[in-house]
Amino acid sequence: MKTKLKSYIFAGFVLCSLPLFQQCSSMIDTEDGNNPGSDGADFTENVIINPENAGEIKITSNNSGNGEELVIEAIANEGWRFTEWSGEISERRNPASITLDRDITLIAEFDQWERDNVTTVNPVTSPRTGRVWMDRNLGASRVAVSASDQQAYGHFYQWGRAADGHQRRNSQMTTELSVNDKPGHALYIFNADSIPDWRSPQNDSLWQGVNGINNPCPEGYRIPTHEEWRAEFDMLQGMDVAAGSFLRIPAAGGRNETGIYNAGDIGRYYTSNINTTPSEYHKSYYFEFRSTASIVSGNVRRSTAVSVRCIQHES
């Protein structure tokens, strides 16, 4: 039996990242006659990703002699989640297994997922308040070992935006403001000549609670309020205290139209609070750790991107 794999081949499996109506193909040539009724036929497995750019497909082959056994796994890109298979099979199980003894077409269905799905969720409990927090920033690959631990910096979120890809430190920028809560792209939005927000008109209902619009935190977590931050840290507790605390806060800095700033010096963390003064353009609050003090600032442009640390929701 001879197996031919189309698309990108890595160490015995196929990894595809293809637009809608394109396909990952695994074709088996049964010229040795081991497949019942094959008569030397070629069978093709087509997997369609819907919608485009929502994810990737991993196909693992196991030739059994009675048809090629395939294990097909749908892998969601950031900002998406796999929902179900359609076409030849209809199920939610992922990965799915199929015997390739005929031509088969599968569709991997995805929908948008506004929450972070890349950060390990390890809860830590505050010795001061008893509240449960995530032990690292959204997007961080580990818990901070120091205030300047770059692997613990994580992503930078614009206030009120979902985990749509804009939060990556190297995301591209656009000056075109969004008219929707979900811009539909992964670009960092900043327009110095417009309102201090990435969205026009503004929406004060974003990030409000565990079920709030665009809450980027993992299931069961939400953006903390500035009161919840203040309950953990006194005003005279600065960056060194924060980095050595149970939350292991790193000084990730922030991002604006000029790029990343204050990395290694200052930690800025968004809250869900909104500032309606002045009334013309509303701003947001973040909790800031400086060298020898911590402050709450309510004069923050919502287009500014800073760190997010999530707190567990209490029902």
Protein backbone atom coordinates (compact mmCIF):
# COMPACT_ATOMS: atom_id res chain seq x y z
CA MET A 1 0.00 0.00 0.00
CA LYS A 2 1.35 3.39 -0.92
CA THR A 3 0.16 6.57 0.76
CA LYS A 4 0.50 10.01 -0.76
CA LEU A 5 -0.03 13.11 1.37
CA LYS A 6 -0.73 16.49 -0.12
CA SER A 7 -0.18 19.82 1.64
CA TYR A 8 2.49 20.57 4.24
CA ILE A 9 4.15 17.46 5.66
CA PHE A 10 5.89 17.47 9.04
CA ALA A 11 7.20 14.31 10.73
CA GLY A 12 4.47 12.01 9.47
CA PHE A 13 1.44 14.23 9.82
CA VAL A 14 -0.19 16.88 7.71
CA LEU A 15 -0.61 20.40 9.08
CA CYS A 16 -2.83 22.64 6.99
CA SER A 17 -3.85 26.25 7.28
CA LEU A 18 -6.07 26.85 4.29
CA PRO A 19 -8.88 29.24 3.37
CA LEU A 20 -12.49 28.21 2.96
CA PHE A 21 -13.12 25.97 -0.07
CA GLN A 22 -9.49 24.93 -0.17
CA GLN A 23 -8.62 21.61 1.36
CA CYS A 24 -6.15 19.40 3.12
CA SER A 25 -5.90 16.15 1.16
CA SER A 26 -4.69 12.70 2.13
CA MET A 27 -4.79 10.28 -0.83
CA ILE A 28 -4.29 6.53 -0.61
CA ASP A 29 -3.26 4.45 -3.65
CA THR A 30 -4.60 0.92 -3.14
CA GLU A 31 -2.94 -0.65 -6.16
CA ASP A 32 -1.95 -3.68 -4.07
CA GLY A 33 -5.62 -4.60 -3.72
CA ASN A 34 -5.66 -4.75 0.09
CA ASN A 35 -8.74 -2.55 0.23
CA PRO A 36 -11.94 -4.51 -0.44
CA GLY A 37 -13.52 -3.36 -3.68
CA SER A 38 -10.80 -0.84 -4.37
CA ASP A 39 -9.59 -2.24 -7.69
CA GLY A 40 -6.54 -0.01 -7.52
CA ALA A 41 -8.59 3.09 -6.79
CA ASP A 42 -7.31 6.26 -5.15
CA PHE A 43 -9.34 7.59 -2.25
CA THR A 44 -9.08 11.20 -1.14
CA GLU A 45 -9.78 12.85 2.20
CA ASN A 46 -10.70 16.52 1.80
CA VAL A 47 -10.95 18.68 4.90
CA ILE A 48 -12.38 22.17 4.52
CA ILE A 49 -11.79 24.85 7.15
CA ASN A 50 -14.81 27.08 7.74
CA PRO A 51 -14.46 30.04 7.95
CA GLU A 52 -11.13 30.83 6.38
CA ASN A 53 -8.17 31.47 8.67
CA ALA A 54 -10.08 30.09 11.68
CA GLY A 55 -7.76 27.18 12.29
CA GLU A 56 -5.57 24.35 11.09
CA ILE A 57 -5.98 20.64 10.48
CA LYS A 58 -3.63 17.92 11.71
CA ILE A 59 -3.99 14.52 9.99
CA THR A 60 -2.24 11.45 11.39
CA SER A 61 -2.16 8.30 9.24
CA ASN A 62 -2.24 4.71 10.43
CA ASN A 63 -2.26 2.18 7.56
CA SER A 64 -4.14 -0.90 8.72
CA GLY A 65 -4.40 -2.99 5.55
CA ASN A 66 -8.14 -2.53 5.29
CA GLY A 67 -8.07 1.13 4.42
CA GLU A 68 -6.07 4.00 5.78
CA GLU A 69 -7.06 4.90 9.32
CA LEU A 70 -6.94 8.67 9.76
CA VAL A 71 -7.07 10.70 12.95
CA ILE A 72 -8.11 14.25 12.08
CA GLU A 73 -7.73 17.05 14.59
CA ALA A 74 -9.06 20.59 14.22
CA ILE A 75 -6.80 23.17 15.88
CA ALA A 76 -8.31 26.60 16.46
CA ASN A 77 -6.34 29.77 15.83
CA GLU A 78 -6.35 32.43 18.50
CA GLY A 79 -9.74 34.09 18.69
CA TRP A 80 -11.59 31.00 17.38
CA ARG A 81 -12.86 27.68 18.72
CA PHE A 82 -13.76 24.41 17.00
CA THR A 83 -17.48 23.61 17.22
CA GLU A 84 -18.19 20.48 15.14
CA TRP A 85 -17.50 18.36 12.08
CA SER A 86 -19.95 18.36 9.19
CA GLY A 87 -20.02 16.66 5.81
CA GLU A 88 -19.19 12.95 5.97
CA ILE A 89 -19.60 12.88 9.74
CA SER A 90 -21.60 15.03 12.13
CA GLU A 91 -20.13 15.15 15.62
CA ARG A 92 -18.33 17.37 18.11
CA ARG A 93 -15.61 14.88 19.04
CA ASN A 94 -12.14 16.24 18.28
CA PRO A 95 -9.94 14.56 17.11
CA ALA A 96 -12.17 12.41 14.89
CA SER A 97 -11.25 9.03 13.39
CA ILE A 98 -12.14 7.88 9.88
CA THR A 99 -11.30 4.92 7.64
CA LEU A 100 -10.36 6.13 4.20
CA ASP A 101 -12.06 3.43 2.09
CA ARG A 102 -13.92 5.92 -0.12
CA ASP A 103 -13.70 9.58 -1.13
CA ILE A 104 -14.52 11.65 1.95
CA THR A 105 -15.15 15.36 2.49
CA LEU A 106 -15.16 16.81 5.99
CA ILE A 107 -15.81 20.37 7.11
CA ALA A 108 -14.21 21.63 10.31
CA GLU A 109 -16.59 24.25 11.66
CA PHE A 110 -15.26 27.06 13.84
CA ASP A 111 -16.80 30.12 15.45
CA GLN A 112 -15.29 33.21 17.00
CA TRP A 113 -14.09 32.86 20.59
CA GLU A 114 -13.48 36.17 22.28
CA ARG A 115 -11.57 34.73 25.23
CA ASP A 116 -7.88 33.95 25.60
CA ASN A 117 -7.15 30.31 24.74
CA VAL A 118 -3.35 30.32 24.86
CA THR A 119 -2.58 31.06 28.53
CA THR A 120 -2.26 28.29 31.11
CA VAL A 121 -4.83 28.79 33.86
CA ASN A 122 -3.29 28.19 37.28
CA PRO A 123 -5.29 29.75 40.12
CA VAL A 124 -3.60 31.40 43.11
CA THR A 125 -5.38 32.54 46.26
CA SER A 126 -4.68 35.88 47.89
CA PRO A 127 -3.46 35.56 51.49
CA ARG A 128 -4.89 39.02 52.07
CA THR A 129 -8.41 38.87 50.61
CA GLY A 130 -8.97 35.20 49.85
CA ARG A 131 -9.76 36.05 46.23
CA VAL A 132 -8.59 33.75 43.44
CA TRP A 133 -6.54 35.16 40.56
CA MET A 134 -4.67 33.77 37.57
CA ASP A 135 -0.99 33.34 38.40
CA ARG A 136 0.23 35.07 35.23
CA ASN A 137 -0.68 37.75 32.71
CA LEU A 138 -2.81 36.87 29.71
CA GLY A 139 -0.43 35.74 27.00
CA ALA A 140 2.46 35.03 29.38
CA SER A 141 4.36 31.77 28.94
CA ARG A 142 5.25 31.48 32.63
CA VAL A 143 4.92 32.98 36.09
CA ALA A 144 7.28 35.94 36.54
CA VAL A 145 10.60 35.16 38.25
CA SER A 146 11.41 38.88 38.44
CA ALA A 147 9.87 42.23 37.56
CA SER A 148 11.83 42.27 34.29
CA ASP A 149 11.05 38.70 33.24
CA GLN A 150 10.20 39.12 29.55
CA GLN A 151 8.66 35.65 29.28
CA ALA A 152 6.09 36.75 31.85
CA TYR A 153 5.13 40.05 30.19
CA GLY A 154 2.35 38.55 28.10
CA HIS A 155 0.05 40.42 25.76
CA PHE A 156 -1.10 44.05 25.62
CA TYR A 157 -4.86 44.61 25.37
CA GLN A 158 -6.70 47.73 24.28
CA TRP A 159 -9.45 48.48 26.80
CA GLY A 160 -12.64 46.60 25.94
CA ARG A 161 -11.27 44.44 23.11
CA ALA A 162 -11.50 40.67 22.89
CA ALA A 163 -8.64 38.24 22.35
CA ASP A 164 -8.76 38.80 18.59
CA GLY A 165 -5.01 38.92 17.94
CA HIS A 166 -4.50 42.68 18.34
CA GLN A 167 -3.02 42.00 21.78
CA ARG A 168 0.15 40.42 20.42
CA ARG A 169 3.14 42.66 20.99
CA ASN A 170 4.07 42.61 17.30
CA SER A 171 0.60 43.03 15.79
CA GLN A 172 0.32 45.47 12.90
CA MET A 173 -1.41 48.86 13.34
CA THR A 174 -4.26 50.62 11.56
CA THR A 175 -5.66 54.14 11.97
CA GLU A 176 -9.18 53.11 10.94
CA LEU A 177 -11.47 53.05 13.97
CA SER A 178 -13.95 50.22 14.40
CA VAL A 179 -17.69 50.85 14.39
CA ASN A 180 -18.31 47.46 16.02
CA ASP A 181 -17.41 45.75 19.29
CA LYS A 182 -15.54 43.17 17.21
CA PRO A 183 -13.38 44.88 14.57
CA GLY A 184 -13.05 41.65 12.58
CA HIS A 185 -9.26 41.79 12.34
CA ALA A 186 -6.15 41.44 14.51
CA LEU A 187 -4.78 44.96 14.06
CA TYR A 188 -3.88 47.39 16.83
CA ILE A 189 -6.12 50.43 16.31
CA PHE A 190 -4.85 53.93 16.98
CA ASN A 191 -5.83 57.28 15.48
CA ALA A 192 -4.25 60.32 17.16
CA ASP A 193 -6.55 62.70 15.29
CA SER A 194 -9.73 61.02 16.50
CA ILE A 195 -11.32 60.06 19.82
CA PRO A 196 -9.17 58.38 22.54
CA ASP A 197 -10.56 54.97 21.71
CA TRP A 198 -10.29 52.18 19.14
CA ARG A 199 -14.08 52.21 18.68
CA SER A 200 -16.35 54.95 17.39
CA PRO A 201 -18.90 55.47 18.78
CA GLN A 202 -17.61 54.43 22.19
CA ASN A 203 -19.22 51.60 24.15
CA ASP A 204 -19.05 51.72 27.96
CA SER A 205 -20.62 48.25 28.24
CA LEU A 206 -17.47 46.36 27.23
CA TRP A 207 -15.61 44.18 29.77
CA GLN A 208 -18.37 44.47 32.37
CA GLY A 209 -18.42 41.24 34.35
CA VAL A 210 -17.69 37.59 33.63
CA ASN A 211 -20.29 37.53 30.83
CA GLY A 212 -19.46 41.01 29.64
CA ILE A 213 -18.97 41.83 25.98
CA ASN A 214 -15.43 41.00 24.81
CA ASN A 215 -14.28 39.64 28.18
CA PRO A 216 -10.90 38.15 27.14
CA CYS A 217 -10.33 36.13 30.31
CA PRO A 218 -10.66 32.32 30.34
CA GLU A 219 -13.93 30.71 31.39
CA GLY A 220 -14.91 31.70 34.95
CA TYR A 221 -12.55 34.69 35.07
CA ARG A 222 -13.01 38.39 34.31
CA ILE A 223 -11.22 41.73 34.31
CA PRO A 224 -10.81 42.99 37.92
CA THR A 225 -12.06 46.38 39.14
CA HIS A 226 -9.61 48.94 40.48
CA GLU A 227 -11.16 48.37 43.92
CA GLU A 228 -10.16 44.69 43.70
CA TRP A 229 -6.62 45.67 42.77
CA ARG A 230 -6.43 48.19 45.63
CA ALA A 231 -7.62 45.56 48.10
CA GLU A 232 -4.46 43.56 47.33
CA PHE A 233 -1.87 46.35 47.37
CA ASP A 234 -1.32 49.45 49.51
CA MET A 235 -0.42 52.76 47.90
CA LEU A 236 3.19 52.59 49.11
CA GLN A 237 3.74 49.13 47.69
CA GLY A 238 5.57 49.49 44.39
CA MET A 239 7.02 47.31 41.66
CA ASP A 240 9.40 45.30 43.84
CA VAL A 241 6.63 44.39 46.29
CA ALA A 242 4.28 43.49 43.43
CA ALA A 243 6.88 41.28 41.74
CA GLY A 244 7.49 39.39 44.99
CA SER A 245 3.82 39.06 45.88
CA PHE A 246 1.61 36.00 45.40
CA LEU A 247 0.64 37.47 41.99
CA ARG A 248 4.26 37.79 40.77
CA ILE A 249 3.52 40.99 38.86
CA PRO A 250 6.00 41.80 36.04
CA ALA A 251 6.78 45.31 34.78
CA ALA A 252 5.61 44.70 31.23
CA GLY A 253 5.10 48.38 30.36
CA GLY A 254 2.56 49.18 27.67
CA ARG A 255 2.00 49.99 24.01
CA ASN A 256 0.86 53.09 22.15
CA GLU A 257 1.23 54.46 18.62
CA THR A 258 5.00 54.78 19.00
CA GLY A 259 5.52 51.19 20.16
CA ILE A 260 6.27 49.47 23.47
CA TYR A 261 7.28 51.70 26.38
CA ASN A 262 8.41 51.37 30.04
CA ALA A 263 9.07 47.62 29.75
CA GLY A 264 11.06 46.48 32.77
CA ASP A 265 10.23 49.64 34.74
CA ILE A 266 6.46 49.97 35.21
CA GLY A 267 3.56 47.54 35.35
CA ARG A 268 0.18 48.74 34.07
CA TYR A 269 -2.92 46.58 34.42
CA TYR A 270 -6.36 47.37 33.04
CA THR A 271 -9.47 47.38 35.20
CA SER A 272 -13.07 47.11 34.08
CA ASN A 273 -13.86 50.58 35.45
CA ILE A 274 -14.82 53.40 33.11
CA ASN A 275 -14.27 57.14 33.49
CA THR A 276 -17.12 59.30 32.18
CA THR A 277 -15.32 62.58 32.92
CA PRO A 278 -15.00 64.48 30.65
CA SER A 279 -18.39 63.59 29.26
CA GLU A 280 -17.40 64.10 25.61
CA TYR A 281 -14.94 61.20 25.42
CA HIS A 282 -14.86 58.53 28.10
CA LYS A 283 -11.60 56.96 29.21
CA SER A 284 -10.63 53.94 31.31
CA TYR A 285 -8.76 53.04 34.49
CA TYR A 286 -5.64 51.03 35.02
CA PHE A 287 -3.72 50.03 38.12
CA GLU A 288 -0.09 51.08 37.87
CA PHE A 289 2.94 49.80 39.75
CA ARG A 290 5.80 52.28 39.88
CA SER A 291 9.16 51.83 41.57
CA THR A 292 7.97 52.76 45.09
CA ALA A 293 4.20 53.16 44.84
CA SER A 294 1.02 51.87 43.22
CA ILE A 295 -1.63 54.21 41.82
CA VAL A 296 -4.98 54.11 40.06
CA SER A 297 -5.14 56.20 36.90
CA GLY A 298 -8.48 57.06 35.31
CA ASN A 299 -7.13 59.18 32.49
CA VAL A 300 -6.24 56.37 30.11
CA ARG A 301 -6.98 56.40 26.40
CA ARG A 302 -8.82 53.21 25.54
CA SER A 303 -6.59 52.79 22.51
CA THR A 304 -3.61 52.39 24.87
CA ALA A 305 -2.69 48.72 25.26
CA VAL A 306 -1.47 47.36 28.61
CA SER A 307 -1.38 44.09 30.55
CA VAL A 308 -4.36 42.09 31.78
CA ARG A 309 -4.45 39.89 34.88
CA CYS A 310 -7.74 38.06 35.43
CA ILE A 311 -9.62 37.43 38.67
CA GLN A 312 -11.99 34.53 39.26
CA HIS A 313 -15.64 35.49 39.26
CA GLU A 314 -17.54 35.04 42.51
CA SER A 315 -21.20 34.20 42.06
